[in-house]
Amino acid sequence: MIVLRQVIGDELRRRRQDQGRTLRDVSGAAAVSLGYLSEVERGQKEASSELLAAICGALEVSLSDVLASVSTQVAEAETEIFLPRLPSLSTV
């Protein structure tokens, strides 16, 4: 099952790490507690749209870019889950 908060958290963490930034740095810039940001990145907390916007602002990335990337990842995961199984060559 796809859990959206985990995909969003993974994307935020990836972008933060790609920038070489710490949780402390981003949490300070976003005005959110370090612990809460950590929980969001680990997919344990569902971030509000306001919080997501603040985190994206701190990362200097647009919310729409983050959500587009998340959407692509979810679509790929859904394809893997729902793609009909092709019959094997031995049963044809």
PDB file of N, CA and C in Angstrom:
ATOM      1  N   MET A   1       0.843  -1.179   0.000  1.00  0.00           N
ATOM      2  CA  MET A   1       0.000   0.000   0.000  1.00  0.00           C
ATOM      3  C   MET A   1       0.891   1.247   0.000  1.00  0.00           C
ATOM      4  N   ILE A   2       0.471   2.227  -0.767  1.00  0.00           N
ATOM      5  CA  ILE A   2       1.203   3.478  -0.862  1.00  0.00           C
ATOM      6  C   ILE A   2       0.734   4.403   0.270  1.00  0.00           C
ATOM      7  N   VAL A   3       1.673   4.903   1.038  1.00  0.00           N
ATOM      8  CA  VAL A   3       1.356   5.849   2.107  1.00  0.00           C
ATOM      9  C   VAL A   3       1.935   7.196   1.689  1.00  0.00           C
ATOM     10  N   LEU A   4       1.057   8.131   1.372  1.00  0.00           N
ATOM     11  CA  LEU A   4       1.466   9.418   0.822  1.00  0.00           C
ATOM     12  C   LEU A   4       2.427  10.157   1.743  1.00  0.00           C
ATOM     13  N   ARG A   5       2.193  10.116   3.051  1.00  0.00           N
ATOM     14  CA  ARG A   5       3.072  10.852   3.962  1.00  0.00           C
ATOM     15  C   ARG A   5       4.498  10.314   3.917  1.00  0.00           C
ATOM     16  N   GLN A   6       4.655   9.020   3.624  1.00  0.00           N
ATOM     17  CA  GLN A   6       6.003   8.454   3.518  1.00  0.00           C
ATOM     18  C   GLN A   6       6.690   8.908   2.232  1.00  0.00           C
ATOM     19  N   VAL A   7       5.937   8.963   1.150  1.00  0.00           N
ATOM     20  CA  VAL A   7       6.520   9.412  -0.122  1.00  0.00           C
ATOM     21  C   VAL A   7       6.922  10.884  -0.019  1.00  0.00           C
ATOM     22  N   ILE A   8       6.065  11.695   0.587  1.00  0.00           N
ATOM     23  CA  ILE A   8       6.383  13.112   0.777  1.00  0.00           C
ATOM     24  C   ILE A   8       7.608  13.262   1.676  1.00  0.00           C
ATOM     25  N   GLY A   9       7.644  12.526   2.770  1.00  0.00           N
ATOM     26  CA  GLY A   9       8.783  12.591   3.681  1.00  0.00           C
ATOM     27  C   GLY A   9      10.078  12.188   3.016  1.00  0.00           C
ATOM     28  N   ASP A  10      10.028  11.112   2.229  1.00  0.00           N
ATOM     29  CA  ASP A  10      11.223  10.668   1.509  1.00  0.00           C
ATOM     30  C   ASP A  10      11.712  11.742   0.540  1.00  0.00           C
ATOM     31  N   GLU A  11      10.781  12.384  -0.154  1.00  0.00           N
ATOM     32  CA  GLU A  11      11.150  13.424  -1.115  1.00  0.00           C
ATOM     33  C   GLU A  11      11.770  14.628  -0.413  1.00  0.00           C
ATOM     34  N   LEU A  12      11.186  15.044   0.699  1.00  0.00           N
ATOM     35  CA  LEU A  12      11.741  16.176   1.437  1.00  0.00           C
ATOM     36  C   LEU A  12      13.137  15.847   1.970  1.00  0.00           C
ATOM     37  N   ARG A  13      13.300  14.646   2.503  1.00  0.00           N
ATOM     38  CA  ARG A  13      14.610  14.234   3.015  1.00  0.00           C
ATOM     39  C   ARG A  13      15.640  14.199   1.888  1.00  0.00           C
ATOM     40  N   ARG A  14      15.267  13.623   0.748  1.00  0.00           N
ATOM     41  CA  ARG A  14      16.190  13.544  -0.378  1.00  0.00           C
ATOM     42  C   ARG A  14      16.648  14.933  -0.811  1.00  0.00           C
ATOM     43  N   ARG A  15      15.710  15.863  -0.903  1.00  0.00           N
ATOM     44  CA  ARG A  15      16.065  17.216  -1.327  1.00  0.00           C
ATOM     45  C   ARG A  15      16.966  17.905  -0.294  1.00  0.00           C
ATOM     46  N   ARG A  16      16.671  17.706   0.987  1.00  0.00           N
ATOM     47  CA  ARG A  16      17.506  18.302   2.039  1.00  0.00           C
ATOM     48  C   ARG A  16      18.910  17.730   1.979  1.00  0.00           C
ATOM     49  N   GLN A  17      19.013  16.420   1.871  1.00  0.00           N
ATOM     50  CA  GLN A  17      20.328  15.787   1.835  1.00  0.00           C
ATOM     51  C   GLN A  17      21.093  16.153   0.564  1.00  0.00           C
ATOM     52  N   ASP A  18      20.384  16.280  -0.561  1.00  0.00           N
ATOM     53  CA  ASP A  18      21.038  16.703  -1.804  1.00  0.00           C
ATOM     54  C   ASP A  18      21.675  18.082  -1.654  1.00  0.00           C
ATOM     55  N   GLN A  19      21.096  18.910  -0.794  1.00  0.00           N
ATOM     56  CA  GLN A  19      21.634  20.248  -0.544  1.00  0.00           C
ATOM     57  C   GLN A  19      22.727  20.226   0.526  1.00  0.00           C
ATOM     58  N   GLY A  20      22.949  19.075   1.132  1.00  0.00           N
ATOM     59  CA  GLY A  20      23.953  18.960   2.178  1.00  0.00           C
ATOM     60  C   GLY A  20      23.557  19.685   3.458  1.00  0.00           C
ATOM     61  N   ARG A  21      22.255  19.768   3.703  1.00  0.00           N
ATOM     62  CA  ARG A  21      21.773  20.516   4.866  1.00  0.00           C
ATOM     63  C   ARG A  21      21.321  19.573   5.964  1.00  0.00           C
ATOM     64  N   THR A  22      21.365  20.069   7.190  1.00  0.00           N
ATOM     65  CA  THR A  22      20.966  19.274   8.349  1.00  0.00           C
ATOM     66  C   THR A  22      19.497  19.521   8.679  1.00  0.00           C
ATOM     67  N   LEU A  23      18.940  18.605   9.443  1.00  0.00           N
ATOM     68  CA  LEU A  23      17.582  18.803   9.952  1.00  0.00           C
ATOM     69  C   LEU A  23      17.499  20.104  10.751  1.00  0.00           C
ATOM     70  N   ARG A  24      18.512  20.366  11.547  1.00  0.00           N
ATOM     71  CA  ARG A  24      18.526  21.574  12.386  1.00  0.00           C
ATOM     72  C   ARG A  24      18.465  22.832  11.518  1.00  0.00           C
ATOM     73  N   ASP A  25      19.248  22.858  10.471  1.00  0.00           N
ATOM     74  CA  ASP A  25      19.278  24.007   9.568  1.00  0.00           C
ATOM     75  C   ASP A  25      17.906  24.248   8.939  1.00  0.00           C
ATOM     76  N   VAL A  26      17.315  23.196   8.387  1.00  0.00           N
ATOM     77  CA  VAL A  26      16.025  23.349   7.698  1.00  0.00           C
ATOM     78  C   VAL A  26      14.908  23.625   8.695  1.00  0.00           C
ATOM     79  N   SER A  27      14.940  22.983   9.850  1.00  0.00           N
ATOM     80  CA  SER A  27      13.881  23.221  10.833  1.00  0.00           C
ATOM     81  C   SER A  27      13.907  24.670  11.304  1.00  0.00           C
ATOM     82  N   GLY A  28      15.105  25.229  11.487  1.00  0.00           N
ATOM     83  CA  GLY A  28      15.219  26.633  11.882  1.00  0.00           C
ATOM     84  C   GLY A  28      14.690  27.566  10.812  1.00  0.00           C
ATOM     85  N   ALA A  29      15.057  27.301   9.566  1.00  0.00           N
ATOM     86  CA  ALA A  29      14.608  28.152   8.455  1.00  0.00           C
ATOM     87  C   ALA A  29      13.109  28.042   8.217  1.00  0.00           C
ATOM     88  N   ALA A  30      12.535  26.877   8.508  1.00  0.00           N
ATOM     89  CA  ALA A  30      11.098  26.662   8.301  1.00  0.00           C
ATOM     90  C   ALA A  30      10.269  27.033   9.525  1.00  0.00           C
ATOM     91  N   ALA A  31      10.943  27.344  10.640  1.00  0.00           N
ATOM     92  CA  ALA A  31      10.272  27.654  11.903  1.00  0.00           C
ATOM     93  C   ALA A  31       9.378  26.502  12.368  1.00  0.00           C
ATOM     94  N   VAL A  32       9.956  25.300  12.307  1.00  0.00           N
ATOM     95  CA  VAL A  32       9.272  24.096  12.787  1.00  0.00           C
ATOM     96  C   VAL A  32      10.267  23.343  13.666  1.00  0.00           C
ATOM     97  N   SER A  33       9.773  22.644  14.660  1.00  0.00           N
ATOM     98  CA  SER A  33      10.691  21.947  15.556  1.00  0.00           C
ATOM     99  C   SER A  33      11.456  20.864  14.810  1.00  0.00           C
ATOM    100  N   LEU A  34      12.682  20.649  15.239  1.00  0.00           N
ATOM    101  CA  LEU A  34      13.533  19.636  14.635  1.00  0.00           C
ATOM    102  C   LEU A  34      12.866  18.261  14.718  1.00  0.00           C
ATOM    103  N   GLY A  35      12.301  17.957  15.865  1.00  0.00           N
ATOM    104  CA  GLY A  35      11.652  16.661  16.056  1.00  0.00           C
ATOM    105  C   GLY A  35      10.477  16.453  15.122  1.00  0.00           C
ATOM    106  N   TYR A  36       9.687  17.511  14.928  1.00  0.00           N
ATOM    107  CA  TYR A  36       8.524  17.386  14.054  1.00  0.00           C
ATOM    108  C   TYR A  36       8.971  17.212  12.606  1.00  0.00           C
ATOM    109  N   LEU A  37       9.971  17.974  12.176  1.00  0.00           N
ATOM    110  CA  LEU A  37      10.485  17.828  10.809  1.00  0.00           C
ATOM    111  C   LEU A  37      11.019  16.416  10.607  1.00  0.00           C
ATOM    112  N   SER A  38      11.708  15.889  11.587  1.00  0.00           N
ATOM    113  CA  SER A  38      12.223  14.530  11.497  1.00  0.00           C
ATOM    114  C   SER A  38      11.079  13.529  11.324  1.00  0.00           C
ATOM    115  N   GLU A  39       9.997  13.713  12.074  1.00  0.00           N
ATOM    116  CA  GLU A  39       8.847  12.817  11.956  1.00  0.00           C
ATOM    117  C   GLU A  39       8.182  12.935  10.589  1.00  0.00           C
ATOM    118  N   VAL A  40       8.125  14.139  10.043  1.00  0.00           N
ATOM    119  CA  VAL A  40       7.567  14.337   8.702  1.00  0.00           C
ATOM    120  C   VAL A  40       8.436  13.603   7.687  1.00  0.00           C
ATOM    121  N   GLU A  41       9.742  13.768   7.772  1.00  0.00           N
ATOM    122  CA  GLU A  41      10.649  13.109   6.832  1.00  0.00           C
ATOM    123  C   GLU A  41      10.578  11.592   6.932  1.00  0.00           C
ATOM    124  N   ARG A  42      10.318  11.074   8.109  1.00  0.00           N
ATOM    125  CA  ARG A  42      10.217   9.622   8.289  1.00  0.00           C
ATOM    126  C   ARG A  42       8.825   9.092   7.980  1.00  0.00           C
ATOM    127  N   GLY A  43       7.912   9.986   7.590  1.00  0.00           N
ATOM    128  CA  GLY A  43       6.565   9.560   7.238  1.00  0.00           C
ATOM    129  C   GLY A  43       5.699   9.218   8.429  1.00  0.00           C
ATOM    130  N   GLN A  44       6.080   9.708   9.597  1.00  0.00           N
ATOM    131  CA  GLN A  44       5.313   9.418  10.811  1.00  0.00           C
ATOM    132  C   GLN A  44       4.256  10.473  11.097  1.00  0.00           C
ATOM    133  N   LYS A  45       4.428  11.658  10.532  1.00  0.00           N
ATOM    134  CA  LYS A  45       3.463  12.741  10.720  1.00  0.00           C
ATOM    135  C   LYS A  45       2.971  13.212   9.370  1.00  0.00           C
ATOM    136  N   GLU A  46       1.690  13.528   9.292  1.00  0.00           N
ATOM    137  CA  GLU A  46       1.067  14.071   8.091  1.00  0.00           C
ATOM    138  C   GLU A  46       1.202  15.590   8.168  1.00  0.00           C
ATOM    139  N   ALA A  47       1.992  16.161   7.287  1.00  0.00           N
ATOM    140  CA  ALA A  47       2.241  17.604   7.312  1.00  0.00           C
ATOM    141  C   ALA A  47       1.067  18.362   6.693  1.00  0.00           C
ATOM    142  N   SER A  48       0.715  19.485   7.303  1.00  0.00           N
ATOM    143  CA  SER A  48      -0.317  20.358   6.727  1.00  0.00           C
ATOM    144  C   SER A  48       0.250  21.053   5.494  1.00  0.00           C
ATOM    145  N   SER A  49      -0.636  21.625   4.694  1.00  0.00           N
ATOM    146  CA  SER A  49      -0.175  22.355   3.508  1.00  0.00           C
ATOM    147  C   SER A  49       0.687  23.544   3.913  1.00  0.00           C
ATOM    148  N   GLU A  50       0.366  24.183   5.030  1.00  0.00           N
ATOM    149  CA  GLU A  50       1.164  25.308   5.503  1.00  0.00           C
ATOM    150  C   GLU A  50       2.567  24.864   5.899  1.00  0.00           C
ATOM    151  N   LEU A  51       2.650  23.731   6.579  1.00  0.00           N
ATOM    152  CA  LEU A  51       3.949  23.214   6.991  1.00  0.00           C
ATOM    153  C   LEU A  51       4.771  22.789   5.778  1.00  0.00           C
ATOM    154  N   LEU A  52       4.129  22.119   4.820  1.00  0.00           N
ATOM    155  CA  LEU A  52       4.844  21.734   3.603  1.00  0.00           C
ATOM    156  C   LEU A  52       5.389  22.957   2.878  1.00  0.00           C
ATOM    157  N   ALA A  53       4.573  24.004   2.803  1.00  0.00           N
ATOM    158  CA  ALA A  53       5.019  25.242   2.151  1.00  0.00           C
ATOM    159  C   ALA A  53       6.209  25.841   2.895  1.00  0.00           C
ATOM    160  N   ALA A  54       6.186  25.809   4.212  1.00  0.00           N
ATOM    161  CA  ALA A  54       7.293  26.356   5.007  1.00  0.00           C
ATOM    162  C   ALA A  54       8.571  25.543   4.797  1.00  0.00           C
ATOM    163  N   ILE A  55       8.444  24.237   4.763  1.00  0.00           N
ATOM    164  CA  ILE A  55       9.613  23.381   4.552  1.00  0.00           C
ATOM    165  C   ILE A  55      10.177  23.604   3.149  1.00  0.00           C
ATOM    166  N   CYS A  56       9.298  23.666   2.159  1.00  0.00           N
ATOM    167  CA  CYS A  56       9.750  23.919   0.787  1.00  0.00           C
ATOM    168  C   CYS A  56      10.434  25.284   0.690  1.00  0.00           C
ATOM    169  N   GLY A  57       9.875  26.270   1.372  1.00  0.00           N
ATOM    170  CA  GLY A  57      10.499  27.587   1.384  1.00  0.00           C
ATOM    171  C   GLY A  57      11.881  27.538   1.987  1.00  0.00           C
ATOM    172  N   ALA A  58      12.025  26.792   3.070  1.00  0.00           N
ATOM    173  CA  ALA A  58      13.336  26.657   3.721  1.00  0.00           C
ATOM    174  C   ALA A  58      14.330  25.937   2.811  1.00  0.00           C
ATOM    175  N   LEU A  59      13.811  25.011   2.006  1.00  0.00           N
ATOM    176  CA  LEU A  59      14.663  24.273   1.072  1.00  0.00           C
ATOM    177  C   LEU A  59      14.873  25.032  -0.241  1.00  0.00           C
ATOM    178  N   GLU A  60      14.171  26.141  -0.379  1.00  0.00           N
ATOM    179  CA  GLU A  60      14.228  26.962  -1.591  1.00  0.00           C
ATOM    180  C   GLU A  60      13.848  26.159  -2.833  1.00  0.00           C
ATOM    181  N   VAL A  61      12.792  25.357  -2.690  1.00  0.00           N
ATOM    182  CA  VAL A  61      12.197  24.616  -3.804  1.00  0.00           C
ATOM    183  C   VAL A  61      10.707  24.923  -3.801  1.00  0.00           C
ATOM    184  N   SER A  62      10.094  24.848  -4.952  1.00  0.00           N
ATOM    185  CA  SER A  62       8.668  25.145  -4.992  1.00  0.00           C
ATOM    186  C   SER A  62       7.867  23.943  -4.510  1.00  0.00           C
ATOM    187  N   LEU A  63       6.772  24.231  -3.853  1.00  0.00           N
ATOM    188  CA  LEU A  63       5.864  23.184  -3.401  1.00  0.00           C
ATOM    189  C   LEU A  63       5.381  22.376  -4.605  1.00  0.00           C
ATOM    190  N   SER A  64       5.104  23.062  -5.705  1.00  0.00           N
ATOM    191  CA  SER A  64       4.602  22.355  -6.895  1.00  0.00           C
ATOM    192  C   SER A  64       5.640  21.366  -7.427  1.00  0.00           C
ATOM    193  N   ASP A  65       6.930  21.693  -7.364  1.00  0.00           N
ATOM    194  CA  ASP A  65       7.975  20.754  -7.808  1.00  0.00           C
ATOM    195  C   ASP A  65       8.016  19.521  -6.916  1.00  0.00           C
ATOM    196  N   VAL A  66       7.922  19.743  -5.625  1.00  0.00           N
ATOM    197  CA  VAL A  66       7.925  18.614  -4.686  1.00  0.00           C
ATOM    198  C   VAL A  66       6.704  17.736  -4.923  1.00  0.00           C
ATOM    199  N   LEU A  67       5.541  18.352  -5.052  1.00  0.00           N
ATOM    200  CA  LEU A  67       4.319  17.573  -5.256  1.00  0.00           C
ATOM    201  C   LEU A  67       4.317  16.871  -6.601  1.00  0.00           C
ATOM    202  N   ALA A  68       4.890  17.490  -7.639  1.00  0.00           N
ATOM    203  CA  ALA A  68       4.984  16.836  -8.945  1.00  0.00           C
ATOM    204  C   ALA A  68       5.858  15.589  -8.855  1.00  0.00           C
ATOM    205  N   SER A  69       6.975  15.700  -8.151  1.00  0.00           N
ATOM    206  CA  SER A  69       7.858  14.552  -7.974  1.00  0.00           C
ATOM    207  C   SER A  69       7.155  13.449  -7.183  1.00  0.00           C
ATOM    208  N   VAL A  70       6.449  13.836  -6.138  1.00  0.00           N
ATOM    209  CA  VAL A  70       5.696  12.866  -5.329  1.00  0.00           C
ATOM    210  C   VAL A  70       4.630  12.193  -6.190  1.00  0.00           C
ATOM    211  N   SER A  71       3.937  12.973  -7.006  1.00  0.00           N
ATOM    212  CA  SER A  71       2.905  12.432  -7.878  1.00  0.00           C
ATOM    213  C   SER A  71       3.474  11.397  -8.844  1.00  0.00           C
ATOM    214  N   THR A  72       4.626  11.693  -9.411  1.00  0.00           N
ATOM    215  CA  THR A  72       5.286  10.757 -10.326  1.00  0.00           C
ATOM    216  C   THR A  72       5.650   9.466  -9.607  1.00  0.00           C
ATOM    217  N   GLN A  73       6.187   9.591  -8.402  1.00  0.00           N
ATOM    218  CA  GLN A  73       6.567   8.402  -7.629  1.00  0.00           C
ATOM    219  C   GLN A  73       5.350   7.549  -7.281  1.00  0.00           C
ATOM    220  N   VAL A  74       4.256   8.201  -6.913  1.00  0.00           N
ATOM    221  CA  VAL A  74       3.024   7.476  -6.582  1.00  0.00           C
ATOM    222  C   VAL A  74       2.487   6.777  -7.829  1.00  0.00           C
ATOM    223  N   ALA A  75       2.488   7.466  -8.964  1.00  0.00           N
ATOM    224  CA  ALA A  75       2.004   6.868 -10.211  1.00  0.00           C
ATOM    225  C   ALA A  75       2.834   5.637 -10.579  1.00  0.00           C
ATOM    226  N   GLU A  76       4.157   5.734 -10.416  1.00  0.00           N
ATOM    227  CA  GLU A  76       5.016   4.588 -10.708  1.00  0.00           C
ATOM    228  C   GLU A  76       4.724   3.424  -9.768  1.00  0.00           C
ATOM    229  N   ALA A  77       4.512   3.713  -8.511  1.00  0.00           N
ATOM    230  CA  ALA A  77       4.200   2.665  -7.536  1.00  0.00           C
ATOM    231  C   ALA A  77       2.852   2.025  -7.850  1.00  0.00           C
ATOM    232  N   GLU A  78       1.888   2.834  -8.245  1.00  0.00           N
ATOM    233  CA  GLU A  78       0.571   2.294  -8.601  1.00  0.00           C
ATOM    234  C   GLU A  78       0.665   1.391  -9.824  1.00  0.00           C
ATOM    235  N   THR A  79       1.485   1.759 -10.770  1.00  0.00           N
ATOM    236  CA  THR A  79       1.666   0.938 -11.966  1.00  0.00           C
ATOM    237  C   THR A  79       2.212  -0.425 -11.585  1.00  0.00           C
ATOM    238  N   GLU A  80       3.172  -0.436 -10.685  1.00  0.00           N
ATOM    239  CA  GLU A  80       3.746  -1.698 -10.237  1.00  0.00           C
ATOM    240  C   GLU A  80       2.721  -2.548  -9.497  1.00  0.00           C
ATOM    241  N   ILE A  81       1.875  -1.898  -8.725  1.00  0.00           N
ATOM    242  CA  ILE A  81       0.876  -2.622  -7.931  1.00  0.00           C
ATOM    243  C   ILE A  81      -0.261  -3.129  -8.802  1.00  0.00           C
ATOM    244  N   PHE A  82      -0.746  -2.286  -9.705  1.00  0.00           N
ATOM    245  CA  PHE A  82      -1.958  -2.592 -10.444  1.00  0.00           C
ATOM    246  C   PHE A  82      -1.727  -3.119 -11.854  1.00  0.00           C
ATOM    247  N   LEU A  83      -0.485  -3.162 -12.294  1.00  0.00           N
ATOM    248  CA  LEU A  83      -0.196  -3.664 -13.630  1.00  0.00           C
ATOM    249  C   LEU A  83      -0.625  -5.118 -13.703  1.00  0.00           C
ATOM    250  N   PRO A  84      -1.503  -5.442 -14.660  1.00  0.00           N
ATOM    251  CA  PRO A  84      -1.948  -6.843 -14.759  1.00  0.00           C
ATOM    252  C   PRO A  84      -0.751  -7.761 -15.029  1.00  0.00           C
ATOM    253  N   ARG A  85      -0.775  -8.874 -14.411  1.00  0.00           N
ATOM    254  CA  ARG A  85       0.306  -9.846 -14.596  1.00  0.00           C
ATOM    255  C   ARG A  85       0.162 -10.469 -15.985  1.00  0.00           C
ATOM    256  N   LEU A  86       1.247 -10.436 -16.739  1.00  0.00           N
ATOM    257  CA  LEU A  86       1.247 -11.060 -18.052  1.00  0.00           C
ATOM    258  C   LEU A  86       1.454 -12.556 -17.872  1.00  0.00           C
ATOM    259  N   PRO A  87       0.804 -13.354 -18.697  1.00  0.00           N
ATOM    260  CA  PRO A  87       1.019 -14.799 -18.541  1.00  0.00           C
ATOM    261  C   PRO A  87       2.454 -15.159 -18.888  1.00  0.00           C
ATOM    262  N   SER A  88       2.976 -16.115 -18.186  1.00  0.00           N
ATOM    263  CA  SER A  88       4.339 -16.529 -18.469  1.00  0.00           C
ATOM    264  C   SER A  88       4.351 -17.287 -19.787  1.00  0.00           C
ATOM    265  N   LEU A  89       5.513 -17.349 -20.397  1.00  0.00           N
ATOM    266  CA  LEU A  89       5.645 -18.015 -21.681  1.00  0.00           C
ATOM    267  C   LEU A  89       5.342 -19.510 -21.571  1.00  0.00           C
ATOM    268  N   SER A  90       5.552 -20.099 -20.429  1.00  0.00           N
ATOM    269  CA  SER A  90       5.318 -21.533 -20.273  1.00  0.00           C
ATOM    270  C   SER A  90       3.836 -21.873 -20.268  1.00  0.00           C
ATOM    271  N   THR A  91       2.950 -20.901 -20.014  1.00  0.00           N
ATOM    272  CA  THR A  91       1.511 -21.165 -20.001  1.00  0.00           C
ATOM    273  C   THR A  91       0.843 -20.762 -21.295  1.00  0.00           C
ATOM    274  N   VAL A  92       1.620 -20.200 -22.236  1.00  0.00           N
ATOM    275  CA  VAL A  92       1.039 -19.754 -23.505  1.00  0.00           C
ATOM    276  C   VAL A  92       1.056 -20.856 -24.504  1.00  0.00           C
TER     277      VAL A  92
END
